[in-house]
Amino acid sequence: MRSTRLRHIGQLLLLQVHEKPYDCTLFGLTPCILQKRAMTRGRRIQDRSKKKRVHDLEIVTEKWKILSKVLLVMEVLKKEPEQIIKLRELEQYRRQINLRKPHKVSDFIRKSPKLFELYKDERGIIWCGFSRQAEDLVGEEEKLLNDHSKRVAEYITRFLMMSIDKRIQIDKIAHFRRDFGLPYDFRAGWVHEYPDLFKVVKIDDTEYLELVSWNPSWAVTELEKKTLVGDEAEVSAPGMLCLPFPLKFPPNFKKVFRYGGKIDHFQKRPHLSPYADARGLSAGTLEFDKRAVAIMHEILSFTLEKRLVTDHLTHFRQELLLPQKLMRLLLKHFGIFYVSERGKRLSVYLTEAYERSELIEKPPLVLWREKVQSLIGYRGKQKRPAIFNEFSDVEDDNLFDDGGGNKIAYKAIECDDSNRILEDEEFSDEEMEIGDVYDAYKD
């Protein structure tokens, strides 16, 4: 009897799955209503943000991805004693440069002759070094980094002030080195230059940067500095804030009216200052989420280009009490942040800092990067590597012989686009050519 009853229940559930009408009384059961559970559909972040793309910022992302490769090669050369390296040794940095096969590092170097020069020694080994323009830029960057040192020391101190334990791993801070404008040797020397602000401590064989003294005048957010004036901007203990975040939507975004009420409600809701103690907040509450938005807004304001790789932000969930689903929060507040999904890593922008594809306020280090960007790429045929002979200033064409009297042929590549770097497909995960980027995003 029991097995028959269970079989009838199984038939009933089967009818429910196929959405056929049924009568519970047929099986001797009490009349009931079975509700089918609605299943949620998971979607990729790329699919969620596809309809909200800001073409101008996608161009910025593409240009930065190309520039970052060049900057890494420049860093490799600067670490060498004579600032030159064998061309084949650069292959070991393929992963750091993020250059996929079949693209060769050597081809990548040859496409920027205004920055890098190739020399061939008497043994036939090709070396890579800086051009004269690049050497001038390297010297200029060192000066700019020194001038920016005090400002970035303030930002790192404020970063520590926002953390729960007032200490952060140095390895995690290293992810922000380029974005904050930290010097290349910041681990070895720079972290010890400001003992009145922070110090290096070692816990379980891990080095941390720990706050030494709290500065009340620095416990004021960048949003407060821009919004409050006069007596309102007086320094006080960090607590609750009720300041709206600047919003900027793309011109083609027509759905603001649908979310207008929710946006207005969020903007009017008070939130805890990023510099206040947040241990009492519960994860998942509106207060917790708005404080997380305030922290991300503050960190992005510290960066040179008001942009960060989202992976770097997720490293600080524990130190800054950020939500586990941080990306969902960034996508939700589309008017404050913009997430670009191009490539392997996602980048988040502070929308208020940009006017179309241009950064509104450009610090000197950003202007320096634009100079480097202007020297990437070439026109005309690719030249042969110059022959370097330490015993003579005269070029010797015989060094291009293979020993049998035959000349070594170097492939000549025609290039019509001065900013051309890689030859990838238009919307692959790799980089696009700068000219194609502008064409692809034209309305």
Protein backbone atom coordinates (compact mmCIF):
# COMPACT_ATOMS: atom_id res chain seq x y z
CA MET A 1 0.00 0.00 0.00
CA ARG A 2 2.82 2.38 0.89
CA SER A 3 4.74 1.65 -2.33
CA THR A 4 1.59 2.24 -4.40
CA ARG A 5 1.03 5.56 -2.68
CA LEU A 6 4.61 6.67 -3.32
CA ARG A 7 4.29 5.67 -6.97
CA HIS A 8 1.14 7.80 -7.28
CA ILE A 9 2.96 10.77 -5.74
CA GLY A 10 5.79 10.28 -8.25
CA GLN A 11 3.28 10.36 -11.10
CA LEU A 12 1.80 13.54 -9.64
CA LEU A 13 5.18 15.25 -9.55
CA LEU A 14 5.88 14.11 -13.11
CA LEU A 15 2.68 15.75 -14.27
CA GLN A 16 3.74 18.94 -12.48
CA VAL A 17 7.13 18.95 -14.22
CA HIS A 18 5.46 18.67 -17.62
CA GLU A 19 2.94 21.34 -16.56
CA LYS A 20 -0.10 19.11 -17.20
CA PRO A 21 -3.36 19.55 -15.26
CA TYR A 22 -3.90 17.04 -12.48
CA ASP A 23 -6.36 16.21 -9.70
CA CYS A 24 -4.91 15.37 -6.29
CA THR A 25 -8.07 13.47 -5.28
CA LEU A 26 -7.38 10.81 -7.93
CA PHE A 27 -4.61 9.45 -5.72
CA GLY A 28 -6.45 9.76 -2.44
CA LEU A 29 -4.46 12.84 -1.42
CA THR A 30 -5.53 16.03 0.25
CA PRO A 31 -6.04 18.78 -2.38
CA CYS A 32 -2.85 20.80 -2.62
CA ILE A 33 -1.03 23.30 -4.80
CA LEU A 34 2.52 22.59 -5.90
CA GLN A 35 4.46 25.67 -6.97
CA LYS A 36 7.26 25.41 -9.49
CA ARG A 37 10.41 27.16 -8.21
CA ALA A 38 11.67 29.87 -10.51
CA MET A 39 15.30 29.24 -11.46
CA THR A 40 17.71 32.10 -11.75
CA ARG A 41 19.76 32.39 -14.89
CA GLY A 42 23.44 33.03 -14.44
CA ARG A 43 25.06 35.42 -16.89
CA ARG A 44 28.60 36.48 -17.48
CA ILE A 45 29.73 39.93 -16.45
CA GLN A 46 30.48 40.61 -20.12
CA ASP A 47 26.82 39.94 -20.99
CA ARG A 48 25.52 42.08 -18.15
CA SER A 49 27.53 45.14 -19.15
CA LYS A 50 27.28 44.75 -22.93
CA LYS A 51 24.26 47.05 -23.23
CA LYS A 52 25.91 49.69 -21.06
CA ARG A 53 29.21 50.07 -22.85
CA VAL A 54 30.79 53.49 -22.98
CA HIS A 55 32.71 53.53 -26.25
CA ASP A 56 34.98 56.39 -25.23
CA LEU A 57 36.20 54.55 -22.15
CA GLU A 58 36.64 51.34 -24.14
CA ILE A 59 39.09 53.29 -26.31
CA VAL A 60 40.95 54.38 -23.16
CA THR A 61 41.16 50.75 -22.05
CA GLU A 62 42.55 49.62 -25.38
CA LYS A 63 45.18 52.35 -25.47
CA TRP A 64 46.26 51.55 -21.91
CA LYS A 65 46.63 47.84 -22.66
CA ILE A 66 49.06 48.65 -25.45
CA LEU A 67 50.91 51.26 -23.41
CA SER A 68 51.26 48.92 -20.41
CA LYS A 69 53.21 46.45 -22.55
CA VAL A 70 55.64 49.14 -23.62
CA LEU A 71 56.06 50.41 -20.05
CA LEU A 72 56.89 46.91 -18.85
CA VAL A 73 59.62 46.54 -21.50
CA MET A 74 61.01 49.90 -20.40
CA GLU A 75 61.07 48.70 -16.79
CA VAL A 76 62.95 45.56 -17.82
CA LEU A 77 65.58 47.64 -19.60
CA LYS A 78 65.97 50.02 -16.66
CA LYS A 79 66.83 47.10 -14.38
CA GLU A 80 69.75 46.10 -16.58
CA PRO A 81 73.16 47.56 -15.61
CA GLU A 82 73.77 49.09 -19.05
CA GLN A 83 70.06 49.40 -19.88
CA ILE A 84 70.44 46.89 -22.72
CA ILE A 85 69.34 43.27 -22.94
CA LYS A 86 69.64 40.43 -25.43
CA LEU A 87 66.57 40.31 -27.60
CA ARG A 88 66.03 36.60 -27.04
CA GLU A 89 66.11 37.11 -23.27
CA LEU A 90 63.04 39.30 -23.53
CA GLU A 91 61.06 36.17 -24.43
CA GLN A 92 61.05 35.18 -20.76
CA TYR A 93 58.88 38.24 -20.08
CA ARG A 94 56.18 37.18 -22.55
CA ARG A 95 53.73 36.35 -19.79
CA GLN A 96 54.27 39.65 -17.96
CA ILE A 97 53.93 41.56 -21.22
CA ASN A 98 50.77 39.54 -21.94
CA LEU A 99 51.82 38.88 -25.50
CA ARG A 100 50.15 35.80 -26.90
CA LYS A 101 51.58 33.48 -29.47
CA PRO A 102 52.17 33.55 -32.40
CA HIS A 103 53.16 37.19 -31.76
CA LYS A 104 56.87 37.50 -31.04
CA VAL A 105 58.43 39.82 -28.50
CA SER A 106 61.04 40.71 -31.10
CA ASP A 107 58.37 41.86 -33.54
CA PHE A 108 56.70 43.86 -30.78
CA ILE A 109 60.00 45.64 -30.06
CA ARG A 110 60.67 46.35 -33.73
CA LYS A 111 57.33 48.12 -34.07
CA SER A 112 58.42 50.96 -31.79
CA PRO A 113 61.77 52.15 -33.18
CA LYS A 114 61.27 55.61 -31.66
CA LEU A 115 61.52 54.02 -28.20
CA PHE A 116 63.71 50.96 -28.69
CA GLU A 117 66.79 50.39 -30.83
CA LEU A 118 68.26 47.06 -31.91
CA TYR A 119 72.00 46.46 -32.20
CA LYS A 120 73.95 43.49 -33.50
CA ASP A 121 77.30 42.63 -31.96
CA GLU A 122 80.27 40.91 -33.57
CA ARG A 123 78.94 37.47 -32.60
CA GLY A 124 75.65 38.09 -34.37
CA ILE A 125 73.64 38.53 -31.16
CA ILE A 126 70.93 41.18 -31.31
CA TRP A 127 70.60 43.50 -28.32
CA CYS A 128 67.76 45.84 -27.39
CA GLY A 129 68.23 49.26 -25.83
CA PHE A 130 66.63 52.66 -25.46
CA SER A 131 66.56 55.23 -28.20
CA ARG A 132 67.74 58.75 -27.36
CA GLN A 133 64.14 59.92 -27.02
CA ALA A 134 63.40 57.06 -24.64
CA GLU A 135 66.50 57.84 -22.55
CA ASP A 136 65.27 61.41 -22.14
CA LEU A 137 61.85 60.10 -21.10
CA VAL A 138 63.40 57.76 -18.52
CA GLY A 139 65.23 60.66 -16.91
CA GLU A 140 62.08 62.77 -16.94
CA GLU A 141 60.06 59.99 -15.30
CA GLU A 142 62.54 59.66 -12.43
CA LYS A 143 62.16 63.35 -11.67
CA LEU A 144 58.36 63.15 -11.82
CA LEU A 145 58.29 60.13 -9.50
CA ASN A 146 60.41 62.01 -6.97
CA ASP A 147 58.12 65.04 -7.17
CA HIS A 148 55.08 62.78 -6.71
CA SER A 149 56.58 60.90 -3.75
CA LYS A 150 55.03 62.99 -0.95
CA ARG A 151 51.60 62.93 -2.53
CA VAL A 152 51.59 59.17 -2.94
CA ALA A 153 52.85 58.80 0.65
CA GLU A 154 49.70 60.64 1.74
CA TYR A 155 47.51 58.32 -0.36
CA ILE A 156 49.15 55.19 1.04
CA THR A 157 48.72 56.55 4.58
CA ARG A 158 45.04 57.22 3.94
CA PHE A 159 44.75 53.74 2.48
CA LEU A 160 46.07 52.32 5.75
CA MET A 161 43.69 54.55 7.70
CA MET A 162 40.75 53.00 5.85
CA SER A 163 41.85 49.44 6.63
CA ILE A 164 40.41 47.57 9.61
CA ASP A 165 43.71 46.64 11.29
CA LYS A 166 45.60 49.68 9.97
CA ARG A 167 48.04 47.42 8.13
CA ILE A 168 48.19 45.96 4.61
CA GLN A 169 50.51 43.45 2.98
CA ILE A 170 53.23 45.09 0.91
CA ASP A 171 52.69 42.50 -1.83
CA LYS A 172 49.11 43.71 -2.21
CA ILE A 173 50.15 47.36 -2.32
CA ALA A 174 52.56 46.41 -5.11
CA HIS A 175 49.56 45.77 -7.37
CA PHE A 176 48.80 49.50 -7.20
CA ARG A 177 52.36 50.65 -7.92
CA ARG A 178 51.73 51.98 -11.43
CA ASP A 179 48.24 53.21 -10.65
CA PHE A 180 49.35 55.23 -7.61
CA GLY A 181 52.66 56.37 -9.11
CA LEU A 182 54.93 54.55 -6.69
CA PRO A 183 58.66 54.39 -7.56
CA TYR A 184 60.09 51.17 -8.94
CA ASP A 185 62.16 50.43 -5.82
CA PHE A 186 59.41 51.27 -3.35
CA ARG A 187 59.82 47.93 -1.52
CA ALA A 188 63.53 48.44 -0.84
CA GLY A 189 63.82 52.16 -0.20
CA TRP A 190 60.65 54.21 -0.48
CA VAL A 191 58.68 52.45 2.28
CA HIS A 192 61.42 53.48 4.76
CA GLU A 193 61.53 57.16 3.76
CA TYR A 194 58.44 58.17 5.79
CA PRO A 195 58.88 56.62 9.26
CA ASP A 196 56.50 59.18 10.76
CA LEU A 197 53.66 57.87 8.56
CA PHE A 198 54.11 54.10 8.25
CA LYS A 199 56.58 51.33 8.94
CA VAL A 200 57.34 47.81 7.73
CA VAL A 201 56.45 44.97 10.11
CA LYS A 202 56.91 41.25 9.61
CA ILE A 203 54.20 38.82 10.72
CA ASP A 204 54.55 35.10 9.97
CA ASP A 205 57.23 35.75 7.35
CA THR A 206 54.94 38.24 5.58
CA GLU A 207 55.81 41.91 5.32
CA TYR A 208 53.13 44.46 6.10
CA LEU A 209 52.98 48.21 5.90
CA GLU A 210 51.55 49.48 9.17
CA LEU A 211 50.18 52.89 10.08
CA VAL A 212 52.32 54.81 12.59
CA SER A 213 50.23 57.90 13.31
CA TRP A 214 46.67 58.94 12.54
CA ASN A 215 46.31 62.26 10.75
CA PRO A 216 42.82 63.75 11.33
CA SER A 217 43.19 66.20 8.45
CA TRP A 218 43.64 63.26 6.05
CA ALA A 219 40.51 61.45 7.29
CA VAL A 220 38.45 63.52 4.86
CA THR A 221 37.27 61.93 1.63
CA GLU A 222 37.91 63.44 -1.77
CA LEU A 223 34.16 63.73 -2.19
CA GLU A 224 33.91 65.83 0.97
CA LYS A 225 36.68 68.13 -0.25
CA LYS A 226 34.83 68.78 -3.51
CA THR A 227 31.35 69.08 -2.03
CA LEU A 228 31.80 70.87 1.29
CA VAL A 229 33.19 74.40 1.50
CA GLY A 230 33.87 76.90 4.27
CA ASP A 231 32.82 75.89 7.76
CA GLU A 232 31.28 72.65 6.48
CA ALA A 233 34.74 71.41 5.48
CA GLU A 234 36.17 71.69 9.00
CA VAL A 235 38.05 68.63 10.21
CA SER A 236 36.03 66.40 12.54
CA ALA A 237 36.02 62.78 13.60
CA PRO A 238 34.94 60.49 10.75
CA GLY A 239 31.34 59.37 11.08
CA MET A 240 28.15 59.34 9.03
CA LEU A 241 28.08 61.20 5.73
CA CYS A 242 25.16 62.18 3.55
CA LEU A 243 26.76 63.27 0.30
CA PRO A 244 25.54 62.29 -3.18
CA PHE A 245 28.04 60.72 -5.55
CA PRO A 246 28.55 62.46 -8.90
CA LEU A 247 26.76 60.57 -11.66
CA LYS A 248 27.61 60.50 -15.35
CA PHE A 249 25.74 58.37 -17.86
CA PRO A 250 26.64 57.94 -21.54
CA PRO A 251 24.56 59.99 -24.00
CA ASN A 252 22.99 56.87 -25.52
CA PHE A 253 21.80 55.48 -22.20
CA LYS A 254 18.02 55.92 -22.27
CA LYS A 255 16.95 53.91 -19.23
CA VAL A 256 17.79 56.36 -16.47
CA PHE A 257 14.11 57.07 -15.93
CA ARG A 258 13.52 53.42 -15.02
CA TYR A 259 15.96 53.55 -12.14
CA GLY A 260 15.52 57.20 -11.20
CA GLY A 261 13.67 56.41 -7.96
CA LYS A 262 16.18 53.84 -6.81
CA ILE A 263 19.11 56.09 -7.67
CA ASP A 264 17.58 59.02 -5.80
CA HIS A 265 16.90 56.82 -2.77
CA PHE A 266 20.48 55.55 -2.77
CA GLN A 267 21.94 59.04 -3.10
CA LYS A 268 19.95 60.37 -0.13
CA ARG A 269 20.80 57.48 2.15
CA PRO A 270 23.56 58.34 4.69
CA HIS A 271 26.65 56.16 4.82
CA LEU A 272 29.59 55.58 7.09
CA SER A 273 32.82 57.38 6.22
CA PRO A 274 35.53 55.12 4.74
CA TYR A 275 37.79 56.27 7.59
CA ALA A 276 35.36 55.32 10.36
CA ASP A 277 35.34 51.96 12.16
CA ALA A 278 32.99 49.64 10.24
CA ARG A 279 33.18 46.50 12.34
CA GLY A 280 29.58 46.95 13.44
CA LEU A 281 28.13 46.86 9.92
CA SER A 282 26.45 43.68 8.68
CA ALA A 283 27.33 42.38 5.24
CA GLY A 284 24.51 42.63 2.72
CA THR A 285 22.81 45.67 4.25
CA LEU A 286 22.32 48.90 2.32
CA GLU A 287 24.61 50.74 4.74
CA PHE A 288 27.35 48.15 4.16
CA ASP A 289 27.03 48.43 0.37
CA LYS A 290 27.05 52.22 0.30
CA ARG A 291 30.15 52.33 2.49
CA ALA A 292 31.80 49.92 0.00
CA VAL A 293 30.88 52.29 -2.82
CA ALA A 294 32.43 55.18 -0.86
CA ILE A 295 35.66 53.20 -0.34
CA MET A 296 35.97 52.31 -4.01
CA HIS A 297 35.26 55.92 -4.95
CA GLU A 298 38.02 57.06 -2.57
CA ILE A 299 40.59 54.52 -3.83
CA LEU A 300 39.91 55.37 -7.47
CA SER A 301 40.34 59.04 -6.61
CA PHE A 302 43.87 58.24 -5.40
CA THR A 303 44.95 56.73 -8.71
CA LEU A 304 46.64 58.69 -11.47
CA GLU A 305 44.14 57.83 -14.20
CA LYS A 306 41.10 57.19 -11.96
CA ARG A 307 41.12 53.60 -13.16
CA LEU A 308 41.99 50.24 -11.62
CA VAL A 309 42.01 46.58 -12.54
CA THR A 310 39.12 45.00 -10.63
CA ASP A 311 41.26 42.03 -9.61
CA HIS A 312 43.37 44.40 -7.53
CA LEU A 313 40.33 45.66 -5.64
CA THR A 314 39.19 42.16 -4.74
CA HIS A 315 42.48 41.55 -2.92
CA PHE A 316 41.35 43.95 -0.18
CA ARG A 317 37.99 42.42 0.75
CA GLN A 318 39.19 41.45 4.20
CA GLU A 319 41.27 44.55 4.96
CA LEU A 320 38.58 47.02 3.84
CA LEU A 321 35.45 44.97 4.60
CA LEU A 322 34.28 44.86 1.00
CA PRO A 323 31.42 42.61 -0.19
CA GLN A 324 32.17 39.22 -1.71
CA LYS A 325 30.28 40.07 -4.90
CA LEU A 326 32.17 43.27 -5.52
CA MET A 327 31.74 43.15 -9.29
CA ARG A 328 27.96 43.04 -8.97
CA LEU A 329 28.09 46.20 -6.86
CA LEU A 330 30.25 48.00 -9.44
CA LEU A 331 27.90 47.07 -12.25
CA LYS A 332 24.86 48.06 -10.21
CA HIS A 333 26.12 51.61 -9.69
CA PHE A 334 26.69 52.26 -13.36
CA GLY A 335 26.56 56.04 -13.13
CA ILE A 336 29.36 56.18 -10.55
CA PHE A 337 31.63 53.50 -11.99
CA TYR A 338 32.13 52.02 -15.41
CA VAL A 339 33.43 48.47 -15.86
CA SER A 340 35.26 47.69 -19.09
CA GLU A 341 35.41 43.98 -19.85
CA ARG A 342 37.97 44.05 -22.64
CA GLY A 343 40.72 41.46 -22.36
CA LYS A 344 41.44 38.99 -19.60
CA ARG A 345 41.09 41.51 -16.79
CA LEU A 346 38.26 43.91 -16.13
CA SER A 347 38.95 47.57 -15.46
CA VAL A 348 36.80 49.95 -13.44
CA TYR A 349 36.69 53.70 -14.10
CA LEU A 350 35.49 56.64 -12.06
CA THR A 351 33.09 58.14 -14.59
CA GLU A 352 33.13 61.67 -13.15
CA ALA A 353 36.86 61.96 -13.91
CA TYR A 354 36.43 61.61 -17.69
CA GLU A 355 35.04 63.78 -20.43
CA ARG A 356 34.47 61.35 -23.28
CA SER A 357 37.83 59.60 -23.69
CA GLU A 358 39.94 62.28 -22.00
CA LEU A 359 40.91 62.50 -18.35
CA ILE A 360 39.74 65.87 -17.05
CA GLU A 361 42.62 66.47 -14.62
CA LYS A 362 45.93 65.07 -15.85
CA PRO A 363 48.79 64.89 -13.37
CA PRO A 364 52.35 65.20 -14.72
CA LEU A 365 52.88 61.42 -14.75
CA VAL A 366 49.83 60.97 -16.96
CA LEU A 367 51.16 63.59 -19.37
CA TRP A 368 54.46 61.68 -19.38
CA ARG A 369 52.64 58.48 -20.33
CA GLU A 370 50.94 60.30 -23.17
CA LYS A 371 54.38 61.25 -24.49
CA VAL A 372 55.35 57.58 -24.47
CA GLN A 373 52.06 56.71 -26.16
CA SER A 374 52.78 59.17 -28.96
CA LEU A 375 56.05 57.38 -29.76
CA ILE A 376 54.51 53.91 -30.06
CA GLY A 377 54.29 52.60 -33.61
CA TYR A 378 56.04 53.61 -36.82
CA ARG A 379 55.58 54.43 -40.50
CA GLY A 380 57.48 53.05 -43.44
CA LYS A 381 59.65 49.99 -43.74
CA GLN A 382 61.26 48.35 -40.78
CA LYS A 383 64.98 49.00 -40.57
CA ARG A 384 67.68 46.43 -40.00
CA PRO A 385 69.21 46.28 -36.54
CA ALA A 386 72.16 48.62 -36.33
CA ILE A 387 75.59 47.00 -36.10
CA PHE A 388 77.39 47.83 -32.88
CA ASN A 389 81.17 47.50 -32.75
CA GLU A 390 82.78 48.65 -29.51
CA PHE A 391 86.14 49.01 -31.32
CA SER A 392 84.87 51.16 -34.14
CA ASP A 393 82.23 53.81 -34.77
CA VAL A 394 81.90 52.68 -38.38
CA GLU A 395 79.21 50.21 -39.39
CA ASP A 396 80.55 47.02 -40.96
CA ASP A 397 78.19 45.40 -43.45
CA ASN A 398 80.16 42.15 -43.24
CA LEU A 399 78.62 41.51 -39.85
CA PHE A 400 75.36 40.72 -41.63
CA ASP A 401 77.00 37.85 -43.49
CA ASP A 402 76.30 34.28 -42.46
CA GLY A 403 79.88 33.22 -43.08
CA GLY A 404 79.33 32.06 -46.64
CA GLY A 405 79.09 35.45 -48.21
CA ASN A 406 75.28 35.49 -48.06
CA LYS A 407 73.49 38.41 -46.53
CA ILE A 408 71.11 37.78 -43.65
CA ALA A 409 67.67 38.94 -44.70
CA TYR A 410 65.46 40.82 -42.22
CA LYS A 411 61.78 40.93 -42.94
CA ALA A 412 60.57 44.37 -44.01
CA ILE A 413 57.09 45.16 -42.81
CA GLU A 414 54.96 47.88 -44.29
CA CYS A 415 52.81 49.76 -41.82
CA ASP A 416 50.40 52.55 -42.70
CA ASP A 417 49.15 53.11 -39.14
CA SER A 418 51.59 54.94 -36.89
CA ASN A 419 49.91 53.52 -33.81
CA ARG A 420 49.77 49.95 -34.97
CA ILE A 421 51.01 47.49 -32.36
CA LEU A 422 49.41 44.07 -32.75
CA GLU A 423 47.52 42.47 -35.60
CA ASP A 424 44.70 40.73 -33.79
CA GLU A 425 41.08 40.21 -34.63
CA GLU A 426 38.84 43.16 -34.02
CA PHE A 427 37.07 41.93 -30.89
CA SER A 428 39.35 39.21 -29.58
CA ASP A 429 40.64 39.18 -26.01
CA GLU A 430 43.93 40.58 -27.23
CA GLU A 431 44.61 44.18 -28.12
CA MET A 432 43.22 45.98 -31.12
CA GLU A 433 45.09 48.46 -33.22
CA ILE A 434 44.48 52.01 -32.12
CA GLY A 435 43.10 53.03 -35.49
CA ASP A 436 40.72 50.07 -35.50
CA VAL A 437 39.55 50.94 -32.00
CA TYR A 438 38.32 54.35 -33.11
CA ASP A 439 36.64 52.85 -36.18
CA ALA A 440 35.01 50.06 -34.22
CA TYR A 441 33.45 52.43 -31.70
CA LYS A 442 32.20 55.07 -34.06
CA ASP A 443 28.44 55.49 -33.75
